[in-house]
Amino acid sequence: MSDKFSKILCLQNFVCFIYEYSSPIIELFEDFEKKATTAKKIKLMINLLFR
């Protein structure tokens, strides 16, 4: 019984560890995506202005 419990605890810690370390990476990607879409919008506006 205690072995099963320790495995569940280990898994929970592992998931928390992955979540903690992946969240800043995910935020970084989201930030990059936002900047990329903003750049695309600016590019489109420039293209429309200088036709």
Protein backbone atom coordinates (compact mmCIF):
# COMPACT_ATOMS: atom_id res chain seq x y z
CA MET A 1 0.00 0.00 0.00
CA SER A 2 2.73 2.47 0.96
CA ASP A 3 4.64 1.61 -2.24
CA LYS A 4 1.64 2.58 -4.34
CA PHE A 5 1.28 5.79 -2.38
CA SER A 6 4.95 6.71 -2.85
CA LYS A 7 4.66 6.11 -6.60
CA ILE A 8 1.66 8.45 -6.77
CA LEU A 9 3.54 11.04 -4.73
CA CYS A 10 6.58 10.70 -7.01
CA LEU A 11 4.40 11.15 -10.10
CA GLN A 12 2.74 14.20 -8.56
CA ASN A 13 6.12 15.77 -7.79
CA PHE A 14 7.31 14.99 -11.31
CA VAL A 15 4.25 16.64 -12.87
CA CYS A 16 4.68 19.70 -10.64
CA PHE A 17 8.35 19.87 -11.59
CA ILE A 18 7.57 19.73 -15.32
CA TYR A 19 4.80 22.29 -14.94
CA GLU A 20 7.03 24.72 -13.03
CA TYR A 21 9.83 24.48 -15.55
CA SER A 22 7.70 24.48 -18.69
CA SER A 23 5.50 27.45 -17.79
CA PRO A 24 8.22 30.10 -18.38
CA ILE A 25 9.10 28.38 -21.67
CA ILE A 26 5.43 28.40 -22.70
CA GLU A 27 5.19 32.09 -21.75
CA LEU A 28 8.27 32.78 -23.82
CA PHE A 29 6.72 31.06 -26.84
CA GLU A 30 3.44 32.94 -26.38
CA ASP A 31 5.36 36.22 -26.15
CA PHE A 32 7.31 35.33 -29.29
CA GLU A 33 4.05 34.49 -31.08
CA LYS A 34 2.51 37.83 -30.07
CA LYS A 35 5.56 39.69 -31.34
CA ALA A 36 5.48 37.71 -34.58
CA THR A 37 1.81 38.50 -35.19
CA THR A 38 2.43 42.17 -34.36
CA ALA A 39 5.32 42.21 -36.83
CA LYS A 40 3.11 40.64 -39.50
CA LYS A 41 0.41 43.25 -38.88
CA ILE A 42 2.96 46.07 -39.13
CA LYS A 43 4.34 44.54 -42.33
CA LEU A 44 0.84 44.36 -43.80
CA MET A 45 0.14 47.98 -42.86
CA ILE A 46 3.42 49.09 -44.46
CA ASN A 47 2.59 47.10 -47.59
CA LEU A 48 -0.83 48.74 -47.76
CA LEU A 49 0.63 52.22 -47.28
CA PHE A 50 3.33 51.90 -49.92
CA ARG A 51 1.40 50.28 -52.73
